N, C-alpha and C. Protein backbone atom coordinates (compact mmCIF):
# COMPACT_ATOMS: atom_id res chain seq x y z
N MET A 1 -8.81 -38.20 -30.21
CA MET A 1 -8.47 -36.78 -30.18
C MET A 1 -7.98 -36.40 -28.79
N PHE A 2 -6.99 -35.52 -28.77
CA PHE A 2 -6.42 -35.07 -27.50
C PHE A 2 -6.55 -33.56 -27.39
N TYR A 3 -6.84 -33.09 -26.18
CA TYR A 3 -6.94 -31.66 -25.92
C TYR A 3 -5.99 -31.29 -24.79
N ASP A 4 -5.19 -30.26 -25.01
CA ASP A 4 -4.28 -29.78 -23.97
C ASP A 4 -5.04 -28.83 -23.06
N ILE A 5 -5.31 -29.28 -21.84
CA ILE A 5 -6.09 -28.47 -20.89
C ILE A 5 -5.18 -27.90 -19.79
N SER A 6 -3.87 -27.84 -20.05
CA SER A 6 -2.92 -27.35 -19.04
C SER A 6 -3.25 -25.92 -18.62
N GLU A 7 -3.55 -25.06 -19.61
CA GLU A 7 -3.83 -23.67 -19.30
C GLU A 7 -5.13 -23.53 -18.51
N ILE A 8 -6.12 -24.35 -18.87
CA ILE A 8 -7.38 -24.32 -18.13
C ILE A 8 -7.16 -24.70 -16.67
N ARG A 9 -6.36 -25.75 -16.45
CA ARG A 9 -6.08 -26.19 -15.08
C ARG A 9 -5.29 -25.12 -14.32
N ARG A 10 -4.35 -24.45 -15.01
CA ARG A 10 -3.58 -23.40 -14.36
C ARG A 10 -4.48 -22.25 -13.93
N LEU A 11 -5.40 -21.84 -14.81
CA LEU A 11 -6.33 -20.77 -14.48
C LEU A 11 -7.24 -21.17 -13.32
N GLU A 12 -7.63 -22.43 -13.27
CA GLU A 12 -8.46 -22.91 -12.16
C GLU A 12 -7.70 -22.80 -10.84
N ARG A 13 -6.42 -23.16 -10.87
CA ARG A 13 -5.60 -23.06 -9.64
C ARG A 13 -5.44 -21.61 -9.22
N VAL A 14 -5.20 -20.73 -10.21
CA VAL A 14 -5.06 -19.30 -9.91
C VAL A 14 -6.33 -18.76 -9.28
N ARG A 15 -7.48 -19.14 -9.85
CA ARG A 15 -8.76 -18.66 -9.33
C ARG A 15 -9.00 -19.18 -7.91
N LYS A 16 -8.67 -20.45 -7.67
CA LYS A 16 -8.84 -21.01 -6.33
C LYS A 16 -7.94 -20.30 -5.32
N ASP A 17 -6.68 -20.07 -5.72
CA ASP A 17 -5.76 -19.37 -4.82
C ASP A 17 -6.25 -17.95 -4.55
N PHE A 18 -6.78 -17.30 -5.59
CA PHE A 18 -7.27 -15.93 -5.44
C PHE A 18 -8.44 -15.89 -4.45
N VAL A 19 -9.38 -16.81 -4.63
CA VAL A 19 -10.55 -16.86 -3.73
C VAL A 19 -10.10 -17.13 -2.30
N ALA A 20 -9.13 -18.05 -2.12
CA ALA A 20 -8.64 -18.37 -0.78
C ALA A 20 -7.97 -17.15 -0.15
N ASN A 21 -7.15 -16.43 -0.93
CA ASN A 21 -6.46 -15.26 -0.40
C ASN A 21 -7.44 -14.15 -0.04
N VAL A 22 -8.41 -13.90 -0.92
CA VAL A 22 -9.40 -12.86 -0.65
C VAL A 22 -10.22 -13.21 0.59
N SER A 23 -10.60 -14.49 0.69
CA SER A 23 -11.37 -14.92 1.86
C SER A 23 -10.60 -14.67 3.14
N HIS A 24 -9.31 -14.96 3.11
CA HIS A 24 -8.47 -14.73 4.30
C HIS A 24 -8.38 -13.25 4.62
N GLU A 25 -8.16 -12.43 3.58
CA GLU A 25 -8.03 -10.99 3.79
C GLU A 25 -9.32 -10.37 4.32
N LEU A 26 -10.47 -10.89 3.88
CA LEU A 26 -11.76 -10.38 4.35
C LEU A 26 -12.07 -10.87 5.76
N ARG A 27 -11.67 -12.11 6.06
CA ARG A 27 -12.01 -12.69 7.36
C ARG A 27 -11.32 -11.96 8.50
N THR A 28 -10.08 -11.52 8.30
CA THR A 28 -9.33 -10.89 9.39
C THR A 28 -10.01 -9.62 9.92
N PRO A 29 -10.32 -8.62 9.05
CA PRO A 29 -11.00 -7.43 9.60
C PRO A 29 -12.40 -7.74 10.10
N LEU A 30 -13.11 -8.66 9.45
CA LEU A 30 -14.45 -9.00 9.91
C LEU A 30 -14.42 -9.60 11.31
N THR A 31 -13.44 -10.48 11.57
CA THR A 31 -13.31 -11.09 12.89
C THR A 31 -13.05 -10.02 13.95
N THR A 32 -12.20 -9.07 13.63
CA THR A 32 -11.88 -8.00 14.58
C THR A 32 -13.11 -7.13 14.84
N ILE A 33 -13.83 -6.77 13.78
CA ILE A 33 -15.02 -5.93 13.93
C ILE A 33 -16.06 -6.63 14.80
N ARG A 34 -16.29 -7.91 14.55
CA ARG A 34 -17.27 -8.66 15.35
C ARG A 34 -16.84 -8.76 16.80
N GLY A 35 -15.54 -8.98 17.02
CA GLY A 35 -15.04 -9.09 18.39
C GLY A 35 -15.19 -7.78 19.15
N CYS A 36 -14.87 -6.67 18.50
CA CYS A 36 -15.00 -5.36 19.15
C CYS A 36 -16.46 -5.03 19.42
N ALA A 37 -17.33 -5.32 18.45
CA ALA A 37 -18.76 -5.04 18.63
C ALA A 37 -19.34 -5.86 19.78
N ALA A 38 -18.95 -7.14 19.84
CA ALA A 38 -19.45 -8.01 20.92
C ALA A 38 -18.98 -7.50 22.28
N THR A 39 -17.73 -7.05 22.34
CA THR A 39 -17.21 -6.53 23.61
C THR A 39 -17.95 -5.27 24.04
N LEU A 40 -18.28 -4.42 23.06
CA LEU A 40 -19.04 -3.20 23.38
C LEU A 40 -20.43 -3.56 23.90
N VAL A 41 -21.07 -4.53 23.25
CA VAL A 41 -22.41 -4.94 23.68
C VAL A 41 -22.38 -5.54 25.08
N ASP A 42 -21.28 -6.23 25.42
CA ASP A 42 -21.18 -6.90 26.72
C ASP A 42 -20.85 -5.94 27.87
N GLY A 43 -20.72 -4.65 27.59
CA GLY A 43 -20.52 -3.71 28.69
C GLY A 43 -19.43 -2.70 28.52
N ALA A 44 -18.60 -2.84 27.46
CA ALA A 44 -17.50 -1.91 27.29
C ALA A 44 -17.98 -0.49 26.97
N LEU A 45 -19.25 -0.36 26.55
CA LEU A 45 -19.80 0.97 26.28
C LEU A 45 -19.83 1.83 27.54
N GLU A 46 -19.88 1.18 28.69
CA GLU A 46 -19.93 1.91 29.95
C GLU A 46 -18.56 2.44 30.37
N GLU A 47 -17.51 2.01 29.66
CA GLU A 47 -16.15 2.45 29.98
C GLU A 47 -15.65 3.32 28.83
N PRO A 48 -15.66 4.64 29.00
CA PRO A 48 -15.35 5.57 27.89
C PRO A 48 -14.03 5.28 27.18
N ASP A 49 -12.97 5.04 27.93
CA ASP A 49 -11.66 4.81 27.31
C ASP A 49 -11.66 3.53 26.48
N ALA A 50 -12.22 2.47 27.04
CA ALA A 50 -12.27 1.20 26.32
C ALA A 50 -13.18 1.30 25.11
N ALA A 51 -14.31 1.97 25.29
CA ALA A 51 -15.26 2.13 24.17
C ALA A 51 -14.61 2.88 23.02
N LYS A 52 -13.88 3.95 23.34
CA LYS A 52 -13.21 4.73 22.30
C LYS A 52 -12.20 3.88 21.55
N ARG A 53 -11.47 3.03 22.27
CA ARG A 53 -10.46 2.18 21.65
C ARG A 53 -11.10 1.15 20.72
N PHE A 54 -12.20 0.55 21.16
CA PHE A 54 -12.86 -0.47 20.34
C PHE A 54 -13.53 0.14 19.11
N VAL A 55 -14.14 1.31 19.28
CA VAL A 55 -14.77 1.98 18.14
C VAL A 55 -13.71 2.38 17.11
N ALA A 56 -12.56 2.86 17.58
CA ALA A 56 -11.47 3.21 16.66
C ALA A 56 -11.00 1.99 15.88
N SER A 57 -10.94 0.84 16.56
CA SER A 57 -10.53 -0.40 15.89
C SER A 57 -11.56 -0.82 14.85
N ILE A 58 -12.84 -0.68 15.18
CA ILE A 58 -13.90 -1.01 14.21
C ILE A 58 -13.78 -0.12 12.98
N ASN A 59 -13.57 1.17 13.20
CA ASN A 59 -13.45 2.11 12.09
C ASN A 59 -12.25 1.78 11.21
N ARG A 60 -11.13 1.44 11.85
CA ARG A 60 -9.90 1.14 11.12
C ARG A 60 -10.07 -0.10 10.24
N HIS A 61 -10.68 -1.13 10.80
CA HIS A 61 -10.85 -2.38 10.03
C HIS A 61 -11.97 -2.26 9.00
N ALA A 62 -12.93 -1.39 9.26
CA ALA A 62 -13.96 -1.12 8.23
C ALA A 62 -13.32 -0.45 7.02
N GLU A 63 -12.36 0.46 7.27
CA GLU A 63 -11.62 1.09 6.18
C GLU A 63 -10.85 0.04 5.39
N ARG A 64 -10.26 -0.92 6.11
CA ARG A 64 -9.52 -2.00 5.45
C ARG A 64 -10.45 -2.81 4.53
N LEU A 65 -11.64 -3.10 5.00
CA LEU A 65 -12.63 -3.80 4.18
C LEU A 65 -12.97 -2.99 2.93
N GLN A 66 -13.13 -1.68 3.11
CA GLN A 66 -13.45 -0.81 1.98
C GLN A 66 -12.35 -0.86 0.92
N PHE A 67 -11.09 -0.84 1.37
CA PHE A 67 -9.97 -0.92 0.43
C PHE A 67 -10.01 -2.24 -0.35
N LEU A 68 -10.27 -3.34 0.37
CA LEU A 68 -10.30 -4.65 -0.28
C LEU A 68 -11.41 -4.72 -1.33
N LEU A 69 -12.58 -4.20 -0.97
CA LEU A 69 -13.71 -4.23 -1.91
C LEU A 69 -13.44 -3.33 -3.12
N ASP A 70 -12.80 -2.18 -2.88
CA ASP A 70 -12.43 -1.31 -4.00
C ASP A 70 -11.46 -2.01 -4.95
N ASP A 71 -10.51 -2.76 -4.36
CA ASP A 71 -9.56 -3.51 -5.19
C ASP A 71 -10.28 -4.55 -6.04
N LEU A 72 -11.25 -5.25 -5.45
CA LEU A 72 -11.99 -6.27 -6.18
C LEU A 72 -12.80 -5.65 -7.31
N LEU A 73 -13.40 -4.49 -7.06
CA LEU A 73 -14.16 -3.80 -8.10
C LEU A 73 -13.25 -3.35 -9.23
N ASP A 74 -12.06 -2.87 -8.87
CA ASP A 74 -11.11 -2.44 -9.91
C ASP A 74 -10.64 -3.64 -10.73
N LEU A 75 -10.41 -4.77 -10.08
CA LEU A 75 -10.03 -5.98 -10.82
C LEU A 75 -11.12 -6.36 -11.81
N SER A 76 -12.37 -6.27 -11.36
CA SER A 76 -13.49 -6.60 -12.23
C SER A 76 -13.55 -5.65 -13.42
N ARG A 77 -13.32 -4.36 -13.16
CA ARG A 77 -13.33 -3.39 -14.27
C ARG A 77 -12.16 -3.62 -15.22
N LEU A 78 -11.01 -4.02 -14.67
CA LEU A 78 -9.87 -4.31 -15.54
C LEU A 78 -10.16 -5.48 -16.46
N GLU A 79 -10.76 -6.54 -15.90
CA GLU A 79 -11.07 -7.72 -16.70
C GLU A 79 -12.10 -7.42 -17.78
N SER A 80 -13.05 -6.54 -17.46
CA SER A 80 -14.10 -6.23 -18.42
C SER A 80 -13.70 -5.09 -19.36
N GLY A 81 -12.55 -4.47 -19.11
CA GLY A 81 -12.08 -3.39 -19.97
C GLY A 81 -12.81 -2.08 -19.76
N THR A 82 -13.47 -1.90 -18.61
CA THR A 82 -14.25 -0.69 -18.37
C THR A 82 -13.57 0.27 -17.40
N LEU A 83 -12.33 -0.06 -16.97
CA LEU A 83 -11.62 0.84 -16.05
C LEU A 83 -11.12 2.05 -16.82
N GLU A 84 -11.55 3.23 -16.42
CA GLU A 84 -11.17 4.45 -17.11
C GLU A 84 -9.97 5.10 -16.42
N ILE A 85 -8.97 5.45 -17.23
CA ILE A 85 -7.78 6.12 -16.72
C ILE A 85 -7.82 7.57 -17.19
N GLU A 86 -7.69 8.50 -16.25
CA GLU A 86 -7.75 9.92 -16.57
C GLU A 86 -6.43 10.58 -16.22
N PRO A 87 -5.49 10.65 -17.19
CA PRO A 87 -4.18 11.27 -16.90
C PRO A 87 -4.26 12.78 -16.79
N VAL A 88 -3.74 13.30 -15.69
CA VAL A 88 -3.67 14.75 -15.47
C VAL A 88 -2.35 15.05 -14.76
N PRO A 89 -1.86 16.28 -14.84
CA PRO A 89 -0.66 16.64 -14.06
C PRO A 89 -0.98 16.62 -12.56
N PHE A 90 -0.07 16.05 -11.76
CA PHE A 90 -0.30 16.02 -10.32
C PHE A 90 1.05 16.03 -9.60
N ASN A 91 1.02 16.49 -8.36
CA ASN A 91 2.21 16.55 -7.53
C ASN A 91 2.39 15.19 -6.85
N LEU A 92 3.49 14.52 -7.17
CA LEU A 92 3.69 13.17 -6.65
C LEU A 92 3.87 13.15 -5.14
N ALA A 93 4.58 14.15 -4.60
CA ALA A 93 4.82 14.17 -3.15
C ALA A 93 3.51 14.21 -2.38
N GLU A 94 2.52 14.96 -2.89
CA GLU A 94 1.22 15.03 -2.21
C GLU A 94 0.50 13.69 -2.26
N VAL A 95 0.58 13.00 -3.40
CA VAL A 95 -0.06 11.68 -3.52
C VAL A 95 0.61 10.68 -2.59
N VAL A 96 1.95 10.73 -2.52
CA VAL A 96 2.69 9.84 -1.62
C VAL A 96 2.32 10.11 -0.17
N ASP A 97 2.24 11.38 0.21
CA ASP A 97 1.88 11.74 1.59
C ASP A 97 0.48 11.22 1.94
N THR A 98 -0.46 11.34 0.99
CA THR A 98 -1.82 10.85 1.24
C THR A 98 -1.81 9.33 1.41
N ALA A 99 -1.03 8.63 0.58
CA ALA A 99 -0.94 7.18 0.69
C ALA A 99 -0.34 6.76 2.03
N ILE A 100 0.69 7.48 2.46
CA ILE A 100 1.32 7.17 3.75
C ILE A 100 0.33 7.41 4.89
N GLU A 101 -0.45 8.48 4.79
CA GLU A 101 -1.44 8.76 5.82
C GLU A 101 -2.52 7.67 5.87
N THR A 102 -2.83 7.10 4.72
CA THR A 102 -3.84 6.04 4.65
C THR A 102 -3.41 4.80 5.45
N VAL A 103 -2.11 4.51 5.44
CA VAL A 103 -1.61 3.31 6.14
C VAL A 103 -1.01 3.69 7.50
N ARG A 104 -1.27 4.92 7.95
CA ARG A 104 -0.66 5.40 9.18
C ARG A 104 -0.97 4.51 10.38
N ASN A 105 -2.24 4.11 10.53
CA ASN A 105 -2.62 3.30 11.68
C ASN A 105 -1.86 1.99 11.71
N ALA A 106 -1.74 1.35 10.55
CA ALA A 106 -1.02 0.06 10.48
C ALA A 106 0.45 0.24 10.84
N SER A 107 1.06 1.32 10.36
CA SER A 107 2.48 1.54 10.65
C SER A 107 2.70 1.87 12.13
N VAL A 108 1.78 2.63 12.72
CA VAL A 108 1.91 2.97 14.14
C VAL A 108 1.74 1.72 15.00
N GLU A 109 0.79 0.87 14.64
CA GLU A 109 0.55 -0.36 15.40
C GLU A 109 1.79 -1.24 15.43
N ARG A 110 2.51 -1.29 14.31
CA ARG A 110 3.69 -2.15 14.21
C ARG A 110 5.00 -1.40 14.50
N HIS A 111 4.88 -0.13 14.90
CA HIS A 111 6.06 0.68 15.23
C HIS A 111 7.04 0.72 14.06
N ILE A 112 6.50 0.98 12.88
CA ILE A 112 7.31 1.04 11.66
C ILE A 112 7.32 2.47 11.14
N ASP A 113 8.50 3.00 10.88
CA ASP A 113 8.63 4.36 10.34
C ASP A 113 8.44 4.30 8.82
N VAL A 114 7.53 5.13 8.30
CA VAL A 114 7.33 5.25 6.86
C VAL A 114 7.83 6.62 6.45
N ILE A 115 8.88 6.65 5.64
CA ILE A 115 9.57 7.90 5.30
C ILE A 115 9.44 8.18 3.82
N SER A 116 9.06 9.41 3.48
CA SER A 116 8.99 9.84 2.09
C SER A 116 10.22 10.68 1.76
N VAL A 117 10.92 10.29 0.69
CA VAL A 117 12.08 11.06 0.22
C VAL A 117 11.77 11.51 -1.21
N VAL A 118 10.60 12.10 -1.38
CA VAL A 118 10.14 12.53 -2.71
C VAL A 118 10.22 14.05 -2.77
N ALA A 119 10.87 14.56 -3.80
CA ALA A 119 11.01 16.00 -3.95
C ALA A 119 9.65 16.66 -4.11
N PRO A 120 9.38 17.73 -3.36
CA PRO A 120 8.06 18.39 -3.45
C PRO A 120 7.81 19.05 -4.80
N SER A 121 8.85 19.19 -5.63
CA SER A 121 8.67 19.84 -6.93
C SER A 121 8.39 18.85 -8.06
N LEU A 122 8.34 17.56 -7.76
CA LEU A 122 8.19 16.54 -8.80
C LEU A 122 6.72 16.45 -9.25
N VAL A 123 6.43 16.91 -10.45
CA VAL A 123 5.08 16.87 -11.02
C VAL A 123 5.06 15.86 -12.16
N LEU A 124 4.11 14.93 -12.11
CA LEU A 124 3.99 13.89 -13.14
C LEU A 124 2.64 14.02 -13.84
N THR A 125 2.51 13.29 -14.93
CA THR A 125 1.22 13.19 -15.61
C THR A 125 0.76 11.75 -15.55
N GLY A 126 -0.43 11.55 -15.01
CA GLY A 126 -0.98 10.21 -14.86
C GLY A 126 -2.30 10.29 -14.13
N ASP A 127 -2.80 9.14 -13.71
CA ASP A 127 -4.03 9.09 -12.94
C ASP A 127 -3.67 9.05 -11.46
N PRO A 128 -3.78 10.18 -10.75
CA PRO A 128 -3.32 10.22 -9.35
C PRO A 128 -4.08 9.24 -8.44
N GLY A 129 -5.36 9.00 -8.74
CA GLY A 129 -6.13 8.06 -7.92
C GLY A 129 -5.59 6.65 -8.00
N LEU A 130 -5.28 6.20 -9.23
CA LEU A 130 -4.75 4.85 -9.41
C LEU A 130 -3.32 4.75 -8.88
N ILE A 131 -2.54 5.82 -9.07
CA ILE A 131 -1.17 5.83 -8.53
C ILE A 131 -1.22 5.71 -7.00
N GLN A 132 -2.12 6.46 -6.39
CA GLN A 132 -2.25 6.40 -4.93
C GLN A 132 -2.67 5.01 -4.48
N GLN A 133 -3.59 4.40 -5.21
CA GLN A 133 -4.05 3.06 -4.84
C GLN A 133 -2.91 2.05 -4.93
N ALA A 134 -2.09 2.16 -5.98
CA ALA A 134 -0.94 1.26 -6.11
C ALA A 134 0.03 1.47 -4.95
N LEU A 135 0.27 2.74 -4.60
CA LEU A 135 1.18 3.05 -3.50
C LEU A 135 0.66 2.49 -2.18
N VAL A 136 -0.64 2.63 -1.94
CA VAL A 136 -1.23 2.11 -0.70
C VAL A 136 -1.05 0.60 -0.62
N ASN A 137 -1.28 -0.09 -1.74
CA ASN A 137 -1.12 -1.55 -1.75
C ASN A 137 0.33 -1.95 -1.44
N LEU A 138 1.28 -1.25 -2.08
CA LEU A 138 2.69 -1.57 -1.86
C LEU A 138 3.12 -1.23 -0.43
N LEU A 139 2.67 -0.07 0.07
CA LEU A 139 3.01 0.32 1.44
C LEU A 139 2.40 -0.65 2.45
N ASP A 140 1.17 -1.05 2.19
CA ASP A 140 0.49 -1.99 3.09
C ASP A 140 1.26 -3.31 3.16
N ASN A 141 1.71 -3.81 2.01
CA ASN A 141 2.50 -5.05 1.99
C ASN A 141 3.84 -4.86 2.70
N ALA A 142 4.49 -3.71 2.45
CA ALA A 142 5.78 -3.46 3.07
C ALA A 142 5.66 -3.42 4.59
N ILE A 143 4.60 -2.79 5.08
CA ILE A 143 4.38 -2.71 6.53
C ILE A 143 4.04 -4.09 7.10
N LYS A 144 3.20 -4.81 6.36
CA LYS A 144 2.74 -6.12 6.83
C LYS A 144 3.90 -7.11 6.96
N TYR A 145 4.89 -7.02 6.06
CA TYR A 145 5.96 -8.01 6.04
C TYR A 145 7.30 -7.44 6.53
N THR A 146 7.25 -6.35 7.27
CA THR A 146 8.45 -5.82 7.91
C THR A 146 8.33 -6.01 9.41
N ASN A 147 9.41 -6.44 10.03
CA ASN A 147 9.37 -6.69 11.47
C ASN A 147 9.11 -5.40 12.24
N ALA A 148 8.49 -5.52 13.39
CA ALA A 148 8.20 -4.37 14.23
C ALA A 148 9.47 -3.57 14.49
N GLY A 149 9.35 -2.24 14.41
CA GLY A 149 10.50 -1.38 14.60
C GLY A 149 11.29 -1.15 13.33
N GLY A 150 10.77 -1.64 12.20
CA GLY A 150 11.48 -1.50 10.92
C GLY A 150 11.21 -0.17 10.26
N ARG A 151 11.57 -0.10 8.98
CA ARG A 151 11.48 1.17 8.25
C ARG A 151 11.07 0.90 6.81
N VAL A 152 10.20 1.76 6.29
CA VAL A 152 9.78 1.72 4.89
C VAL A 152 10.09 3.08 4.28
N VAL A 153 10.73 3.10 3.12
CA VAL A 153 11.16 4.35 2.50
C VAL A 153 10.58 4.45 1.09
N VAL A 154 10.00 5.61 0.77
CA VAL A 154 9.47 5.88 -0.57
C VAL A 154 10.39 6.88 -1.26
N THR A 155 10.93 6.52 -2.42
CA THR A 155 11.77 7.43 -3.20
C THR A 155 11.17 7.57 -4.59
N ALA A 156 11.55 8.63 -5.28
CA ALA A 156 11.03 8.87 -6.63
C ALA A 156 11.94 9.84 -7.35
N GLY A 157 11.83 9.84 -8.67
CA GLY A 157 12.61 10.78 -9.47
C GLY A 157 12.55 10.39 -10.93
N SER A 158 13.40 11.00 -11.75
CA SER A 158 13.43 10.69 -13.17
C SER A 158 14.24 9.43 -13.41
N MET A 159 13.93 8.71 -14.47
CA MET A 159 14.65 7.48 -14.79
C MET A 159 16.12 7.78 -15.07
N ASP A 160 16.42 8.92 -15.67
CA ASP A 160 17.81 9.27 -15.95
C ASP A 160 18.60 9.43 -14.66
N SER A 161 17.96 10.08 -13.65
CA SER A 161 18.66 10.29 -12.39
C SER A 161 18.84 8.98 -11.65
N ARG A 162 17.94 8.03 -11.88
CA ARG A 162 18.07 6.73 -11.22
C ARG A 162 19.21 5.94 -11.84
N ALA A 163 19.36 6.07 -13.15
CA ALA A 163 20.42 5.34 -13.82
C ALA A 163 21.79 5.90 -13.46
N LEU A 164 21.87 7.23 -13.22
CA LEU A 164 23.13 7.87 -12.89
C LEU A 164 22.98 8.64 -11.59
N PRO A 165 22.98 7.96 -10.44
CA PRO A 165 22.80 8.64 -9.16
C PRO A 165 23.96 9.58 -8.88
N ASP A 166 23.66 10.70 -8.26
CA ASP A 166 24.67 11.70 -7.92
C ASP A 166 25.22 11.41 -6.53
N PRO A 167 26.46 10.97 -6.42
CA PRO A 167 27.00 10.63 -5.09
C PRO A 167 27.20 11.85 -4.21
N ASN A 168 27.12 13.06 -4.79
CA ASN A 168 27.33 14.27 -4.01
C ASN A 168 26.06 14.77 -3.33
N VAL A 169 24.91 14.17 -3.70
CA VAL A 169 23.65 14.58 -3.09
C VAL A 169 23.55 13.94 -1.71
N PRO A 170 23.44 14.75 -0.64
CA PRO A 170 23.41 14.16 0.71
C PRO A 170 22.11 13.42 0.97
N VAL A 171 22.16 12.45 1.84
CA VAL A 171 20.95 11.73 2.23
C VAL A 171 20.07 12.67 3.03
N ALA A 172 18.74 12.40 3.00
CA ALA A 172 17.81 13.29 3.68
C ALA A 172 17.88 13.14 5.19
N SER A 173 18.33 11.98 5.65
CA SER A 173 18.40 11.73 7.08
C SER A 173 19.56 10.79 7.35
N PRO A 174 20.29 10.97 8.44
CA PRO A 174 21.40 10.07 8.74
C PRO A 174 20.93 8.65 9.01
N ASP A 175 19.65 8.46 9.29
CA ASP A 175 19.14 7.13 9.58
C ASP A 175 18.79 6.34 8.32
N LEU A 176 18.79 7.01 7.15
CA LEU A 176 18.41 6.34 5.91
C LEU A 176 19.58 5.52 5.38
N PRO A 177 19.28 4.46 4.58
CA PRO A 177 20.35 3.70 3.94
C PRO A 177 21.16 4.62 3.03
N PRO A 178 22.46 4.33 2.82
CA PRO A 178 23.32 5.22 2.03
C PRO A 178 22.88 5.38 0.59
N ASN A 179 22.13 4.41 0.05
CA ASN A 179 21.72 4.50 -1.36
C ASN A 179 20.41 5.26 -1.55
N VAL A 180 19.82 5.75 -0.46
CA VAL A 180 18.55 6.48 -0.55
C VAL A 180 18.85 7.97 -0.54
N ARG A 181 18.60 8.63 -1.67
CA ARG A 181 18.88 10.07 -1.79
C ARG A 181 17.66 10.77 -2.38
N PRO A 182 17.37 11.99 -1.93
CA PRO A 182 16.29 12.74 -2.56
C PRO A 182 16.67 13.08 -4.00
N VAL A 183 15.75 12.87 -4.92
CA VAL A 183 16.01 13.13 -6.33
C VAL A 183 15.17 14.31 -6.77
N LEU A 184 15.81 15.33 -7.33
CA LEU A 184 15.10 16.53 -7.74
C LEU A 184 14.83 16.49 -9.23
N GLY A 185 13.81 17.21 -9.64
CA GLY A 185 13.51 17.31 -11.07
C GLY A 185 12.71 16.14 -11.57
N GLY A 186 12.34 16.20 -12.85
CA GLY A 186 11.56 15.14 -13.45
C GLY A 186 12.11 14.79 -14.81
N GLY A 187 11.32 14.13 -15.63
CA GLY A 187 11.77 13.73 -16.95
C GLY A 187 10.65 13.09 -17.70
N PRO A 188 10.93 12.63 -18.92
CA PRO A 188 9.90 11.95 -19.71
C PRO A 188 9.33 10.73 -18.98
N ARG A 189 10.19 10.02 -18.25
CA ARG A 189 9.73 8.87 -17.47
C ARG A 189 10.26 8.99 -16.05
N SER A 190 9.45 8.61 -15.11
CA SER A 190 9.85 8.70 -13.70
C SER A 190 9.63 7.36 -13.02
N PHE A 191 10.24 7.21 -11.86
CA PHE A 191 10.06 5.98 -11.09
C PHE A 191 9.61 6.32 -9.68
N VAL A 192 8.91 5.39 -9.07
CA VAL A 192 8.59 5.45 -7.65
C VAL A 192 9.02 4.11 -7.07
N GLU A 193 9.76 4.16 -5.98
CA GLU A 193 10.31 2.92 -5.41
C GLU A 193 9.99 2.87 -3.92
N ILE A 194 9.50 1.73 -3.48
CA ILE A 194 9.21 1.51 -2.06
C ILE A 194 10.11 0.39 -1.57
N SER A 195 10.95 0.69 -0.60
CA SER A 195 11.86 -0.31 -0.07
C SER A 195 11.64 -0.45 1.44
N ASP A 196 11.98 -1.61 1.97
CA ASP A 196 11.85 -1.85 3.40
C ASP A 196 13.00 -2.74 3.83
N ASN A 197 13.16 -2.89 5.15
CA ASN A 197 14.21 -3.76 5.68
C ASN A 197 13.62 -5.04 6.25
N GLY A 198 12.55 -5.51 5.61
CA GLY A 198 11.95 -6.78 5.99
C GLY A 198 12.70 -7.95 5.39
N PRO A 199 12.14 -9.17 5.49
CA PRO A 199 12.84 -10.36 5.01
C PRO A 199 12.93 -10.47 3.50
N GLY A 200 12.13 -9.67 2.77
CA GLY A 200 12.16 -9.72 1.30
C GLY A 200 11.36 -10.90 0.75
N ILE A 201 11.26 -10.93 -0.58
CA ILE A 201 10.54 -12.01 -1.27
C ILE A 201 11.41 -12.51 -2.40
N PRO A 202 11.21 -13.76 -2.85
CA PRO A 202 12.00 -14.28 -3.97
C PRO A 202 11.78 -13.45 -5.22
N LYS A 203 12.81 -13.33 -6.09
CA LYS A 203 12.67 -12.55 -7.30
C LYS A 203 11.55 -13.08 -8.20
């Protein structure tokens, strides 16, 4: 008798890769937190400016750990089918602004401009918490893999307007790429797009 265990082996590789990636993501902020704490214990507490800088770094990386743990909990809930989605009307521009503020420290550290080109009148129906979490993950990746001094742009609008862009709508800023235009109004389906001028990834 023969058994095809290809799928089992594939899942084992995926799980190993996942554990390795999570371990790496957790190790980075933990290493920084321990280094800052050790420096404070060794005397940096006596220097107000240095102490403030190290404490701010500890707080920033502790937030990063919290995001990672929240992601892991959400993955667990997704696998178990217990993740609850609560769709309500919400203002997308406000959710995008909150997501951008969440990654503000990372963007400032890397000197990357994060620009929102989302119409303030665009109201969608969905789970704003989960939408914000998805945006934070995408923004975090865009910042992480964009060279210092780069730019990340968030656009949104109705699917109809995306399929038929209006060439007469001016760009929001002369520094934006020519294909980035503010889109007004909504529709039955909408899109949110995050683009950057980093090296990109394979399709």
